Amino acid sequence: MYHFLDPEQQPMKSFVPGPDHKREFRDALGRFATGITVVTTMTPDGPVGITANSFASVSLDPPIVLWSIGRHSRRFAAFAGCKHFAVHVLGAEQIELSQRFARLGQAFDGLPHDLNDAGVPLLGGCLSRFECVRISGHEGGDHVIVVARVTAASLRDGEPLLFFGGGYGRFEYGSNVTPSM
């Protein structure tokens, strides 16, 4: 069941994003609920993965997606230049997997996975998975936006793992309540 707050009772705070308002800007961005993904690729040193919520679809025809990686990440070099990668959309029960790849890029130790024909590590049990070939990378401030063509996709039913306001959450799967706009 959805419970909506009366927007008239919730005053908005306005500000100009910049060095003096980094926290407020981050909090404002955190008001947008996103799904959680783990992006994986293969490097000469072995498989690498990273938790990301910057994933989005771009086009259905041709099938194109994007995600972005922060320049400050210790895994930046592995992903900013990789040709092949996979995006795994996590289910509500996969919080531990999300946390594992948020902390460690080499989180594959003891984790079952397969390799696709391009050598990309594939995780099982996700809500969906997109095997991708990089098309381009674009400067995006402190991130690089990676655009890719999807060459294969997989899916299953289930509840998504969501991120909102700096924490994990769930969506009531199958609810047929539609908020009025």
C-alpha atoms as a PDB file:
ATOM      1  CA  MET A   1       0.000   0.000   0.000  1.00  0.00           C
ATOM      2  CA  TYR A   2       1.334   3.410  -0.906  1.00  0.00           C
ATOM      3  CA  HIS A   3       1.124   6.276   1.540  1.00  0.00           C
ATOM      4  CA  PHE A   4       1.565   9.668  -0.059  1.00  0.00           C
ATOM      5  CA  LEU A   5       2.537  12.747   1.931  1.00  0.00           C
ATOM      6  CA  ASP A   6       0.671  15.940   1.245  1.00  0.00           C
ATOM      7  CA  PRO A   7       3.202  18.034  -0.758  1.00  0.00           C
ATOM      8  CA  GLU A   8       1.592  21.204   0.619  1.00  0.00           C
ATOM      9  CA  GLN A   9       2.829  20.197   4.096  1.00  0.00           C
ATOM     10  CA  GLN A  10       6.387  19.565   2.914  1.00  0.00           C
ATOM     11  CA  PRO A  11       8.240  22.824   2.174  1.00  0.00           C
ATOM     12  CA  MET A  12      10.991  22.691  -0.444  1.00  0.00           C
ATOM     13  CA  LYS A  13      14.461  24.083   0.191  1.00  0.00           C
ATOM     14  CA  SER A  14      16.048  25.841  -2.796  1.00  0.00           C
ATOM     15  CA  PHE A  15      19.783  26.354  -3.380  1.00  0.00           C
ATOM     16  CA  VAL A  16      22.335  26.803  -6.146  1.00  0.00           C
ATOM     17  CA  PRO A  17      24.470  23.630  -6.455  1.00  0.00           C
ATOM     18  CA  GLY A  18      28.144  24.301  -5.854  1.00  0.00           C
ATOM     19  CA  PRO A  19      31.003  23.810  -3.390  1.00  0.00           C
ATOM     20  CA  ASP A  20      29.010  25.258  -0.485  1.00  0.00           C
ATOM     21  CA  HIS A  21      26.023  22.980  -1.104  1.00  0.00           C
ATOM     22  CA  LYS A  22      27.527  19.569  -1.959  1.00  0.00           C
ATOM     23  CA  ARG A  23      25.580  17.757   0.787  1.00  0.00           C
ATOM     24  CA  GLU A  24      22.279  19.370  -0.178  1.00  0.00           C
ATOM     25  CA  PHE A  25      22.851  18.525  -3.853  1.00  0.00           C
ATOM     26  CA  ARG A  26      23.668  14.914  -2.977  1.00  0.00           C
ATOM     27  CA  ASP A  27      20.535  14.732  -0.803  1.00  0.00           C
ATOM     28  CA  ALA A  28      18.413  16.177  -3.634  1.00  0.00           C
ATOM     29  CA  LEU A  29      19.759  13.560  -6.057  1.00  0.00           C
ATOM     30  CA  GLY A  30      19.059  10.901  -3.423  1.00  0.00           C
ATOM     31  CA  ARG A  31      15.336  11.706  -3.642  1.00  0.00           C
ATOM     32  CA  PHE A  32      15.264   9.821  -6.952  1.00  0.00           C
ATOM     33  CA  ALA A  33      14.793   6.100  -6.255  1.00  0.00           C
ATOM     34  CA  THR A  34      16.978   3.942  -8.473  1.00  0.00           C
ATOM     35  CA  GLY A  35      17.570   0.284  -9.028  1.00  0.00           C
ATOM     36  CA  ILE A  36      20.842  -1.307  -7.982  1.00  0.00           C
ATOM     37  CA  THR A  37      23.162  -3.015 -10.450  1.00  0.00           C
ATOM     38  CA  VAL A  38      26.491  -4.769 -10.380  1.00  0.00           C
ATOM     39  CA  VAL A  39      28.584  -4.112 -13.477  1.00  0.00           C
ATOM     40  CA  THR A  40      31.254  -6.705 -14.296  1.00  0.00           C
ATOM     41  CA  THR A  41      34.165  -6.926 -16.708  1.00  0.00           C
ATOM     42  CA  MET A  42      37.346  -8.938 -17.189  1.00  0.00           C
ATOM     43  CA  THR A  43      40.809  -7.448 -16.765  1.00  0.00           C
ATOM     44  CA  PRO A  44      44.281  -8.969 -17.216  1.00  0.00           C
ATOM     45  CA  ASP A  45      44.280  -9.400 -13.416  1.00  0.00           C
ATOM     46  CA  GLY A  46      40.922 -11.212 -13.383  1.00  0.00           C
ATOM     47  CA  PRO A  47      37.243 -10.383 -13.036  1.00  0.00           C
ATOM     48  CA  VAL A  48      36.189  -7.024 -11.569  1.00  0.00           C
ATOM     49  CA  GLY A  49      32.780  -5.773 -10.500  1.00  0.00           C
ATOM     50  CA  ILE A  50      31.267  -2.606  -9.071  1.00  0.00           C
ATOM     51  CA  THR A  51      27.899  -1.695  -7.578  1.00  0.00           C
ATOM     52  CA  ALA A  52      26.238   1.123  -9.516  1.00  0.00           C
ATOM     53  CA  ASN A  53      22.874   2.855  -9.559  1.00  0.00           C
ATOM     54  CA  SER A  54      23.643   5.059 -12.568  1.00  0.00           C
ATOM     55  CA  PHE A  55      22.220   2.595 -15.110  1.00  0.00           C
ATOM     56  CA  ALA A  56      19.588   3.668 -17.676  1.00  0.00           C
ATOM     57  CA  SER A  57      18.112   2.551 -20.969  1.00  0.00           C
ATOM     58  CA  VAL A  58      18.812   4.778 -23.977  1.00  0.00           C
ATOM     59  CA  SER A  59      17.201   3.046 -26.962  1.00  0.00           C
ATOM     60  CA  LEU A  60      15.127  -0.035 -27.735  1.00  0.00           C
ATOM     61  CA  ASP A  61      16.078  -0.132 -31.414  1.00  0.00           C
ATOM     62  CA  PRO A  62      18.985  -0.538 -31.485  1.00  0.00           C
ATOM     63  CA  PRO A  63      19.239  -1.822 -27.886  1.00  0.00           C
ATOM     64  CA  ILE A  64      21.460   0.736 -26.109  1.00  0.00           C
ATOM     65  CA  VAL A  65      22.067   1.376 -22.388  1.00  0.00           C
ATOM     66  CA  LEU A  66      24.336   3.620 -20.346  1.00  0.00           C
ATOM     67  CA  TRP A  67      25.894   3.799 -16.922  1.00  0.00           C
ATOM     68  CA  SER A  68      28.522   6.030 -15.358  1.00  0.00           C
ATOM     69  CA  ILE A  69      31.632   5.380 -13.285  1.00  0.00           C
ATOM     70  CA  GLY A  70      33.225   7.874 -10.908  1.00  0.00           C
ATOM     71  CA  ARG A  71      36.776   8.950 -11.573  1.00  0.00           C
ATOM     72  CA  HIS A  72      37.516   8.567  -7.857  1.00  0.00           C
ATOM     73  CA  SER A  73      36.753   4.831  -7.941  1.00  0.00           C
ATOM     74  CA  ARG A  74      39.678   2.436  -7.548  1.00  0.00           C
ATOM     75  CA  ARG A  75      37.989   0.445 -10.349  1.00  0.00           C
ATOM     76  CA  PHE A  76      37.813   3.397 -12.742  1.00  0.00           C
ATOM     77  CA  ALA A  77      40.620   2.186 -15.034  1.00  0.00           C
ATOM     78  CA  ALA A  78      39.042  -1.268 -15.381  1.00  0.00           C
ATOM     79  CA  PHE A  79      35.679   0.117 -16.524  1.00  0.00           C
ATOM     80  CA  ALA A  80      36.462   3.425 -18.225  1.00  0.00           C
ATOM     81  CA  GLY A  81      38.291   1.642 -21.015  1.00  0.00           C
ATOM     82  CA  CYS A  82      36.746  -1.842 -21.149  1.00  0.00           C
ATOM     83  CA  LYS A  83      35.164  -3.016 -24.399  1.00  0.00           C
ATOM     84  CA  HIS A  84      32.847  -5.692 -22.975  1.00  0.00           C
ATOM     85  CA  PHE A  85      30.907  -5.692 -19.702  1.00  0.00           C
ATOM     86  CA  ALA A  86      27.663  -6.944 -18.164  1.00  0.00           C
ATOM     87  CA  VAL A  87      25.082  -5.054 -16.105  1.00  0.00           C
ATOM     88  CA  HIS A  88      23.227  -7.162 -13.513  1.00  0.00           C
ATOM     89  CA  VAL A  89      19.988  -5.682 -12.102  1.00  0.00           C
ATOM     90  CA  LEU A  90      19.673  -6.931  -8.524  1.00  0.00           C
ATOM     91  CA  GLY A  91      16.628  -8.366  -6.786  1.00  0.00           C
ATOM     92  CA  ALA A  92      15.487  -7.304  -3.295  1.00  0.00           C
ATOM     93  CA  GLU A  93      17.103 -10.398  -1.757  1.00  0.00           C
ATOM     94  CA  GLN A  94      20.554  -9.526  -3.203  1.00  0.00           C
ATOM     95  CA  ILE A  95      21.576  -6.780  -0.759  1.00  0.00           C
ATOM     96  CA  GLU A  96      24.683  -8.740   0.267  1.00  0.00           C
ATOM     97  CA  LEU A  97      25.803  -8.994  -3.366  1.00  0.00           C
ATOM     98  CA  SER A  98      25.373  -5.235  -3.770  1.00  0.00           C
ATOM     99  CA  GLN A  99      27.379  -4.554  -0.607  1.00  0.00           C
ATOM    100  CA  ARG A 100      30.079  -7.037  -1.620  1.00  0.00           C
ATOM    101  CA  PHE A 101      30.772  -5.214  -4.900  1.00  0.00           C
ATOM    102  CA  ALA A 102      30.416  -1.785  -3.312  1.00  0.00           C
ATOM    103  CA  ARG A 103      33.413  -2.604  -1.093  1.00  0.00           C
ATOM    104  CA  LEU A 104      35.644  -4.823  -3.214  1.00  0.00           C
ATOM    105  CA  GLY A 105      36.323  -4.853  -6.937  1.00  0.00           C
ATOM    106  CA  GLN A 106      37.813  -8.326  -6.692  1.00  0.00           C
ATOM    107  CA  ALA A 107      34.751  -9.637  -4.862  1.00  0.00           C
ATOM    108  CA  PHE A 108      34.595 -12.754  -7.013  1.00  0.00           C
ATOM    109  CA  ASP A 109      36.568 -14.872  -4.528  1.00  0.00           C
ATOM    110  CA  GLY A 110      34.290 -17.814  -3.733  1.00  0.00           C
ATOM    111  CA  LEU A 111      31.428 -16.355  -5.780  1.00  0.00           C
ATOM    112  CA  PRO A 112      29.992 -18.660  -8.446  1.00  0.00           C
ATOM    113  CA  HIS A 113      29.880 -17.077 -11.890  1.00  0.00           C
ATOM    114  CA  ASP A 114      30.088 -17.967 -15.560  1.00  0.00           C
ATOM    115  CA  LEU A 115      31.974 -16.301 -18.415  1.00  0.00           C
ATOM    116  CA  ASN A 116      30.305 -15.297 -21.660  1.00  0.00           C
ATOM    117  CA  ASP A 117      31.944 -15.676 -25.083  1.00  0.00           C
ATOM    118  CA  ALA A 118      33.740 -12.321 -24.612  1.00  0.00           C
ATOM    119  CA  GLY A 119      35.142 -13.468 -21.248  1.00  0.00           C
ATOM    120  CA  VAL A 120      32.868 -11.216 -19.164  1.00  0.00           C
ATOM    121  CA  PRO A 121      31.905 -12.609 -15.746  1.00  0.00           C
ATOM    122  CA  LEU A 122      28.157 -13.261 -15.453  1.00  0.00           C
ATOM    123  CA  LEU A 123      26.386 -13.450 -12.097  1.00  0.00           C
ATOM    124  CA  GLY A 124      23.329 -15.636 -11.657  1.00  0.00           C
ATOM    125  CA  GLY A 125      20.039 -15.003  -9.891  1.00  0.00           C
ATOM    126  CA  CYS A 126      19.647 -11.350 -10.895  1.00  0.00           C
ATOM    127  CA  LEU A 127      16.353  -9.802 -12.027  1.00  0.00           C
ATOM    128  CA  SER A 128      17.894  -9.040 -15.384  1.00  0.00           C
ATOM    129  CA  ARG A 129      21.277  -9.024 -17.033  1.00  0.00           C
ATOM    130  CA  PHE A 130      22.562  -7.121 -20.043  1.00  0.00           C
ATOM    131  CA  GLU A 131      25.697  -8.251 -21.868  1.00  0.00           C
ATOM    132  CA  CYS A 132      27.168  -5.197 -23.550  1.00  0.00           C
ATOM    133  CA  VAL A 133      29.726  -3.916 -26.055  1.00  0.00           C
ATOM    134  CA  ARG A 134      30.926  -0.384 -25.452  1.00  0.00           C
ATOM    135  CA  ILE A 135      29.990   2.192 -28.096  1.00  0.00           C
ATOM    136  CA  SER A 136      31.440   5.330 -26.514  1.00  0.00           C
ATOM    137  CA  GLY A 137      32.483   7.124 -23.365  1.00  0.00           C
ATOM    138  CA  HIS A 138      31.561  10.723 -22.587  1.00  0.00           C
ATOM    139  CA  GLU A 139      32.982  13.209 -20.124  1.00  0.00           C
ATOM    140  CA  GLY A 140      30.539  13.832 -17.313  1.00  0.00           C
ATOM    141  CA  GLY A 141      32.300  15.963 -14.712  1.00  0.00           C
ATOM    142  CA  ASP A 142      33.686  13.617 -12.078  1.00  0.00           C
ATOM    143  CA  HIS A 143      32.268  10.600 -13.966  1.00  0.00           C
ATOM    144  CA  VAL A 144      32.591   8.978 -17.388  1.00  0.00           C
ATOM    145  CA  ILE A 145      29.297   8.041 -19.028  1.00  0.00           C
ATOM    146  CA  VAL A 146      29.652   4.687 -20.768  1.00  0.00           C
ATOM    147  CA  VAL A 147      27.216   3.993 -23.633  1.00  0.00           C
ATOM    148  CA  ALA A 148      26.899   0.425 -24.925  1.00  0.00           C
ATOM    149  CA  ARG A 149      24.954  -1.817 -27.260  1.00  0.00           C
ATOM    150  CA  VAL A 150      23.243  -4.781 -25.599  1.00  0.00           C
ATOM    151  CA  THR A 151      24.182  -8.040 -27.315  1.00  0.00           C
ATOM    152  CA  ALA A 152      22.277 -10.411 -24.990  1.00  0.00           C
ATOM    153  CA  ALA A 153      19.755 -10.040 -22.178  1.00  0.00           C
ATOM    154  CA  SER A 154      18.220 -12.295 -19.509  1.00  0.00           C
ATOM    155  CA  LEU A 155      15.411 -11.755 -16.995  1.00  0.00           C
ATOM    156  CA  ARG A 156      13.301 -13.330 -14.248  1.00  0.00           C
ATOM    157  CA  ASP A 157      10.368 -12.225 -12.113  1.00  0.00           C
ATOM    158  CA  GLY A 158      10.913 -10.747  -8.658  1.00  0.00           C
ATOM    159  CA  GLU A 159      11.121  -7.626  -6.513  1.00  0.00           C
ATOM    160  CA  PRO A 160      13.825  -5.055  -7.329  1.00  0.00           C
ATOM    161  CA  LEU A 161      16.462  -3.849  -4.893  1.00  0.00           C
ATOM    162  CA  LEU A 162      16.104  -0.067  -4.675  1.00  0.00           C
ATOM    163  CA  PHE A 163      18.265   2.780  -3.417  1.00  0.00           C
ATOM    164  CA  PHE A 164      16.717   5.950  -1.987  1.00  0.00           C
ATOM    165  CA  GLY A 165      18.039   8.634   0.337  1.00  0.00           C
ATOM    166  CA  GLY A 166      21.319   6.825   0.949  1.00  0.00           C
ATOM    167  CA  GLY A 167      19.789   3.455   1.854  1.00  0.00           C
ATOM    168  CA  TYR A 168      18.343   0.254   0.443  1.00  0.00           C
ATOM    169  CA  GLY A 169      14.633  -0.334   0.054  1.00  0.00           C
ATOM    170  CA  ARG A 170      11.986  -2.465  -1.582  1.00  0.00           C
ATOM    171  CA  PHE A 171       9.104  -1.942  -3.947  1.00  0.00           C
ATOM    172  CA  GLU A 172       5.768  -3.646  -3.411  1.00  0.00           C
ATOM    173  CA  TYR A 173       5.928  -5.866  -6.494  1.00  0.00           C
ATOM    174  CA  GLY A 174       2.643  -6.405  -8.259  1.00  0.00           C
ATOM    175  CA  SER A 175       0.896  -3.424  -6.694  1.00  0.00           C
ATOM    176  CA  ASN A 176      -1.651  -1.963  -9.037  1.00  0.00           C
ATOM    177  CA  VAL A 177      -1.901   1.387  -7.258  1.00  0.00           C
ATOM    178  CA  THR A 178      -1.101   4.171  -9.693  1.00  0.00           C
ATOM    179  CA  PRO A 179      -0.240   7.578  -8.260  1.00  0.00           C
ATOM    180  CA  SER A 180      -2.168  10.434  -9.827  1.00  0.00           C
ATOM    181  CA  MET A 181      -0.100  12.990 -11.704  1.00  0.00           C
END
